Amino acid sequence: MKTNSSRQHEEGFAILRTSLSRLNLPLDLVDELIERHIAVVFEKGALAFCEGNTDGMIACILNGYVKVYCPVGDGNRTLVRLAGPGEIIGYSDYVDEKGRNARLVASKCTLALFSRDHVIRLLADLPSANLISILAALNTFWSENLRFFTTLLNLPFWDRLTIVLSDLAKRAGVRDSQGIILIPEVFHEDLAEMIGCSRPMVSRLIAQMIESRLLARRAKQYVLLNKWDFGDDGRNTQRQVSPLRGVSSGRVAPSASPMGSANGSGSNGVTAYAARGSR
């Protein structure tokens, strides 16, 4: 971990300003917060915001990407989000029932660190009307996140994967003549954790998408081709794939119960995922 206080990262801060404006924070408060940041470079694979690291700080990603993991089972973890430039990470209250914090694993990236105490002092000086407005915006933010994950986990695996890939393309993609290139390197295991299935299941789904010309592989990156449909919450129908394969919808057999088939809970993928989480 190396300090890097001299470089300016305008793009990351521009995204941060836009995000904070949605929380109704005054512009002068945002400016003062950004002026007091400490930029730190993390090497690929480094842990950020784990126990004993950057205590009392929150961060904004200036460049690169960070994998946000939540603790599950007996010391295991699962990937819930791939955060990119301009996103805030490092919530101290993001813990499980045993009091364990979320863990963040970096690609090579630069984070702007902010003192939590300084943020609290800035907020304490605001009028009550501003604080109520900020609380209302935060409530909307968490409600939207809850809705996203609730919706995601009640969909077939195909739809879960297309929504996750669409979200990554919007946040971390660059358009070219063939489609949208996902900038971060994403592994099948990462996608499996993000949609709650096994890695072999994701591999089969990716193969179907490539076969149907929705997706392409370019070196270590994926490309969402121009045929990709970003409508309907980012879902692409399996009707574009021929022949249809029932395994990718999270259904084991036609006799599976409606509840089990609707959310993928009856599939071998979830069984493998649960076993991995319980080891």
Protein backbone atom coordinates (compact mmCIF):
# COMPACT_ATOMS: atom_id res chain seq x y z
CA MET A 1 0.00 0.00 0.00
CA LYS A 2 1.55 3.29 -1.11
CA THR A 3 0.43 6.84 -0.37
CA ASN A 4 -0.32 8.91 -3.44
CA SER A 5 -1.51 12.37 -2.36
CA SER A 6 -0.25 14.40 -5.32
CA ARG A 7 -2.16 12.98 -8.28
CA GLN A 8 -5.59 14.28 -9.15
CA HIS A 9 -8.29 11.88 -10.34
CA GLU A 10 -10.91 14.15 -11.80
CA GLU A 11 -13.06 11.40 -13.32
CA GLY A 12 -13.44 9.53 -10.03
CA PHE A 13 -14.22 12.71 -8.11
CA ALA A 14 -16.70 13.83 -10.78
CA ILE A 15 -18.65 10.58 -10.34
CA LEU A 16 -18.43 10.98 -6.55
CA ARG A 17 -19.83 14.52 -6.74
CA THR A 18 -22.75 13.28 -8.82
CA SER A 19 -23.44 10.46 -6.35
CA LEU A 20 -23.29 12.73 -3.32
CA SER A 21 -25.55 15.30 -5.01
CA ARG A 22 -28.26 12.63 -5.05
CA LEU A 23 -27.95 12.53 -1.25
CA ASN A 24 -28.67 16.27 -1.15
CA LEU A 25 -25.29 17.12 0.40
CA PRO A 26 -24.37 20.82 0.07
CA LEU A 27 -21.73 21.49 -2.58
CA ASP A 28 -19.42 23.32 -0.16
CA LEU A 29 -19.47 20.31 2.18
CA VAL A 30 -18.57 17.98 -0.70
CA ASP A 31 -15.73 20.31 -1.76
CA GLU A 32 -14.29 20.44 1.75
CA LEU A 33 -14.55 16.66 2.08
CA ILE A 34 -12.68 16.08 -1.18
CA GLU A 35 -9.97 18.59 -0.29
CA ARG A 36 -9.19 16.64 2.90
CA HIS A 37 -8.79 13.22 1.26
CA ILE A 38 -5.69 11.02 1.36
CA ALA A 39 -5.02 9.05 -1.84
CA VAL A 40 -3.65 5.53 -1.36
CA VAL A 41 -2.58 2.99 -3.98
CA PHE A 42 -3.45 -0.68 -3.36
CA GLU A 43 -1.77 -3.46 -5.30
CA LYS A 44 -3.79 -6.22 -6.94
CA GLY A 45 -5.13 -8.70 -4.38
CA ALA A 46 -4.54 -6.40 -1.40
CA LEU A 47 -7.16 -6.35 1.36
CA ALA A 48 -8.78 -3.00 2.08
CA PHE A 49 -10.95 -2.23 5.08
CA CYS A 50 -10.43 -5.54 6.78
CA GLU A 51 -9.93 -5.76 10.55
CA GLY A 52 -7.18 -3.41 11.74
CA ASN A 53 -6.81 -1.75 8.34
CA THR A 54 -7.78 1.90 7.61
CA ASP A 55 -9.76 2.04 10.86
CA GLY A 56 -12.19 4.96 11.11
CA MET A 57 -12.05 5.70 7.38
CA ILE A 58 -14.34 5.46 4.39
CA ALA A 59 -13.14 5.61 0.80
CA CYS A 60 -13.98 6.55 -2.75
CA ILE A 61 -12.49 4.55 -5.63
CA LEU A 62 -10.51 6.90 -7.87
CA ASN A 63 -9.38 4.30 -10.39
CA GLY A 64 -9.36 0.52 -10.68
CA TYR A 65 -11.92 -1.86 -9.17
CA VAL A 66 -12.62 -3.39 -5.77
CA LYS A 67 -14.43 -6.65 -5.00
CA VAL A 68 -16.83 -6.26 -2.07
CA TYR A 69 -17.24 -9.50 -0.09
CA CYS A 70 -19.67 -10.31 2.69
CA PRO A 71 -18.87 -12.93 5.37
CA VAL A 72 -21.03 -16.06 5.27
CA GLY A 73 -20.90 -19.43 7.03
CA ASP A 74 -17.85 -20.33 9.10
CA GLY A 75 -15.35 -17.76 7.96
CA ASN A 76 -16.23 -18.00 4.28
CA ARG A 77 -17.15 -15.02 2.12
CA THR A 78 -19.18 -14.32 -0.99
CA LEU A 79 -18.76 -11.62 -3.62
CA VAL A 80 -21.73 -9.24 -3.72
CA ARG A 81 -20.47 -6.37 -5.87
CA LEU A 82 -17.65 -5.22 -8.10
CA ALA A 83 -17.26 -1.51 -7.25
CA GLY A 84 -15.65 0.95 -9.66
CA PRO A 85 -14.47 4.58 -9.96
CA GLY A 86 -16.52 7.12 -8.01
CA GLU A 87 -18.18 4.56 -5.73
CA ILE A 88 -18.00 4.82 -1.94
CA ILE A 89 -16.82 1.75 0.00
CA GLY A 90 -15.90 0.86 3.57
CA TYR A 91 -19.11 1.11 5.59
CA SER A 92 -18.28 0.36 9.22
CA ASP A 93 -21.83 -0.87 9.88
CA TYR A 94 -21.76 -3.38 7.01
CA VAL A 95 -21.49 -6.43 9.29
CA ASP A 96 -23.06 -9.85 9.74
CA GLU A 97 -24.75 -11.31 12.84
CA LYS A 98 -21.33 -12.16 14.33
CA GLY A 99 -20.08 -8.61 13.97
CA ARG A 100 -17.74 -9.34 11.05
CA ASN A 101 -17.15 -6.54 8.56
CA ALA A 102 -17.37 -6.82 4.81
CA ARG A 103 -13.96 -7.41 3.21
CA LEU A 104 -12.71 -5.58 0.17
CA VAL A 105 -10.12 -7.06 -2.20
CA ALA A 106 -8.58 -4.71 -4.72
CA SER A 107 -7.37 -4.92 -8.24
CA LYS A 108 -4.54 -2.42 -8.62
CA CYS A 109 -6.42 0.74 -7.69
CA THR A 110 -6.27 4.12 -6.01
CA LEU A 111 -8.63 4.93 -3.15
CA ALA A 112 -9.34 8.36 -1.66
CA LEU A 113 -9.62 7.91 2.10
CA PHE A 114 -11.81 10.16 4.23
CA SER A 115 -11.90 10.41 8.01
CA ARG A 116 -15.24 9.23 9.36
CA ASP A 117 -14.91 11.69 12.28
CA HIS A 118 -14.41 14.56 9.84
CA VAL A 119 -17.54 13.55 7.91
CA ILE A 120 -19.52 13.45 11.16
CA ARG A 121 -18.31 16.93 12.16
CA LEU A 122 -19.32 18.34 8.77
CA LEU A 123 -22.78 16.78 9.01
CA ALA A 124 -23.25 18.00 12.59
CA ASP A 125 -23.02 21.62 11.41
CA LEU A 126 -25.86 21.26 8.91
CA PRO A 127 -29.38 22.56 9.61
CA SER A 128 -31.93 19.94 10.62
CA ALA A 129 -33.82 20.38 7.33
CA ASN A 130 -30.70 19.34 5.40
CA LEU A 131 -30.17 16.29 7.62
CA ILE A 132 -33.79 15.18 7.11
CA SER A 133 -33.34 15.52 3.36
CA ILE A 134 -30.12 13.46 3.51
CA LEU A 135 -31.83 10.74 5.58
CA ALA A 136 -34.67 10.57 3.06
CA ALA A 137 -32.18 10.19 0.20
CA LEU A 138 -30.28 7.47 2.10
CA ASN A 139 -33.54 5.63 2.75
CA THR A 140 -34.25 5.66 -1.00
CA PHE A 141 -30.71 4.46 -1.72
CA TRP A 142 -30.97 1.43 0.60
CA SER A 143 -34.51 0.68 -0.58
CA GLU A 144 -33.28 0.54 -4.17
CA ASN A 145 -30.45 -1.81 -3.17
CA LEU A 146 -32.85 -4.07 -1.28
CA ARG A 147 -35.20 -4.15 -4.25
CA PHE A 148 -32.33 -5.03 -6.61
CA PHE A 149 -31.15 -8.04 -4.59
CA THR A 150 -34.68 -9.20 -3.77
CA THR A 151 -35.60 -9.12 -7.45
CA LEU A 152 -32.33 -10.73 -8.51
CA LEU A 153 -32.61 -13.72 -6.17
CA ASN A 154 -36.14 -14.53 -7.34
CA LEU A 155 -35.15 -14.86 -11.00
CA PRO A 156 -33.80 -17.81 -13.02
CA PHE A 157 -30.02 -17.98 -13.29
CA TRP A 158 -30.05 -16.76 -16.92
CA ASP A 159 -31.86 -13.56 -15.94
CA ARG A 160 -29.64 -13.05 -12.88
CA LEU A 161 -26.52 -13.25 -15.02
CA THR A 162 -27.81 -10.89 -17.71
CA ILE A 163 -28.83 -8.32 -15.09
CA VAL A 164 -25.39 -8.49 -13.41
CA LEU A 165 -23.56 -8.19 -16.74
CA SER A 166 -25.81 -5.30 -17.81
CA ASP A 167 -25.09 -3.51 -14.53
CA LEU A 168 -21.34 -3.98 -14.99
CA ALA A 169 -21.55 -2.70 -18.56
CA LYS A 170 -23.33 0.47 -17.44
CA ARG A 171 -20.89 1.15 -14.60
CA ALA A 172 -17.64 -0.26 -15.98
CA GLY A 173 -18.00 -0.57 -19.73
CA VAL A 174 -16.66 1.20 -22.82
CA ARG A 175 -18.52 1.12 -26.13
CA ASP A 176 -16.84 0.22 -29.41
CA SER A 177 -18.17 -0.80 -32.84
CA GLN A 178 -19.06 -4.33 -31.68
CA GLY A 179 -20.73 -3.52 -28.38
CA ILE A 180 -19.70 -2.68 -24.81
CA ILE A 181 -16.40 -3.96 -23.41
CA LEU A 182 -16.33 -4.79 -19.70
CA ILE A 183 -13.17 -3.07 -18.45
CA PRO A 184 -12.54 -5.15 -15.28
CA GLU A 185 -11.41 -8.73 -15.63
CA VAL A 186 -14.31 -10.88 -14.43
CA PHE A 187 -13.93 -14.60 -13.67
CA HIS A 188 -16.62 -17.28 -13.83
CA GLU A 189 -16.22 -17.82 -10.09
CA ASP A 190 -16.89 -14.12 -9.46
CA LEU A 191 -20.11 -14.22 -11.49
CA ALA A 192 -21.18 -17.45 -9.77
CA GLU A 193 -20.92 -15.82 -6.36
CA MET A 194 -22.76 -12.70 -7.52
CA ILE A 195 -25.78 -14.64 -8.81
CA GLY A 196 -25.78 -17.47 -6.25
CA CYS A 197 -24.94 -20.54 -8.34
CA SER A 198 -22.01 -22.84 -9.12
CA ARG A 199 -19.09 -21.96 -11.37
CA PRO A 200 -19.93 -24.76 -13.89
CA MET A 201 -23.44 -23.30 -14.17
CA VAL A 202 -22.01 -19.87 -15.06
CA SER A 203 -19.67 -21.48 -17.58
CA ARG A 204 -22.65 -23.12 -19.31
CA LEU A 205 -24.60 -19.85 -19.33
CA ILE A 206 -21.63 -17.94 -20.75
CA ALA A 207 -21.25 -20.59 -23.48
CA GLN A 208 -24.93 -20.19 -24.39
CA MET A 209 -24.60 -16.42 -24.59
CA ILE A 210 -21.54 -16.69 -26.81
CA GLU A 211 -23.30 -19.26 -29.01
CA SER A 212 -26.31 -16.95 -29.37
CA ARG A 213 -24.02 -13.99 -30.22
CA LEU A 214 -25.07 -11.96 -27.23
CA LEU A 215 -21.58 -12.11 -25.71
CA ALA A 216 -18.01 -12.42 -26.93
CA ARG A 217 -14.65 -13.00 -25.29
CA ARG A 218 -11.80 -10.67 -26.22
CA ALA A 219 -8.53 -11.67 -24.52
CA LYS A 220 -9.34 -11.38 -20.77
CA GLN A 221 -12.41 -9.22 -21.23
CA TYR A 222 -16.03 -9.82 -22.16
CA VAL A 223 -17.92 -7.82 -24.78
CA LEU A 224 -21.68 -7.38 -24.62
CA LEU A 225 -22.40 -7.37 -28.34
CA ASN A 226 -24.74 -4.94 -30.07
CA LYS A 227 -27.46 -7.61 -29.99
CA TRP A 228 -27.52 -7.34 -26.19
CA ASP A 229 -30.79 -5.89 -24.89
CA PHE A 230 -30.47 -3.44 -21.99
CA GLY A 231 -34.23 -3.05 -21.69
CA ASP A 232 -36.48 -4.80 -19.16
CA ASP A 233 -34.07 -4.21 -16.27
CA GLY A 234 -31.13 -5.53 -18.29
CA ARG A 235 -32.57 -9.00 -18.97
CA ASN A 236 -32.17 -10.88 -22.25
CA THR A 237 -34.65 -13.63 -23.01
CA GLN A 238 -33.48 -17.17 -23.57
CA ARG A 239 -35.69 -17.27 -26.65
CA GLN A 240 -32.64 -15.93 -28.47
CA VAL A 241 -30.81 -19.18 -27.67
CA SER A 242 -31.34 -22.36 -29.64
CA PRO A 243 -31.75 -25.02 -28.46
CA LEU A 244 -33.09 -24.06 -25.02
CA ARG A 245 -31.39 -25.74 -22.09
CA GLY A 246 -33.56 -26.14 -19.00
CA VAL A 247 -30.58 -26.34 -16.67
CA SER A 248 -29.78 -22.64 -17.10
CA SER A 249 -33.19 -21.58 -15.89
CA GLY A 250 -32.51 -23.08 -12.48
CA ARG A 251 -34.95 -25.97 -13.01
CA VAL A 252 -33.96 -29.54 -12.26
CA ALA A 253 -36.90 -31.28 -13.90
CA PRO A 254 -40.44 -30.52 -15.05
CA SER A 255 -41.72 -32.00 -11.79
CA ALA A 256 -39.86 -29.43 -9.66
CA SER A 257 -42.06 -27.28 -7.46
CA PRO A 258 -43.01 -23.80 -8.75
CA MET A 259 -41.25 -22.10 -5.87
CA GLY A 260 -38.05 -24.07 -6.37
CA SER A 261 -37.93 -23.52 -10.11
CA ALA A 262 -38.71 -19.83 -9.96
CA ASN A 263 -35.68 -18.82 -7.93
CA GLY A 264 -33.23 -21.54 -8.87
CA SER A 265 -33.31 -23.15 -5.44
CA GLY A 266 -33.87 -26.62 -6.86
CA SER A 267 -30.78 -26.66 -9.04
CA ASN A 268 -27.49 -28.46 -8.61
CA GLY A 269 -25.81 -25.04 -8.86
CA VAL A 270 -27.32 -23.79 -5.60
CA THR A 271 -26.50 -27.09 -3.88
CA ALA A 272 -22.85 -26.71 -4.82
CA TYR A 273 -22.87 -23.07 -3.76
CA ALA A 274 -24.38 -23.87 -0.36
CA ALA A 275 -21.89 -26.68 0.19
CA ARG A 276 -19.02 -24.37 -0.57
CA GLY A 277 -20.37 -21.77 1.85
CA SER A 278 -20.75 -24.31 4.66
CA ARG A 279 -17.30 -25.83 4.52
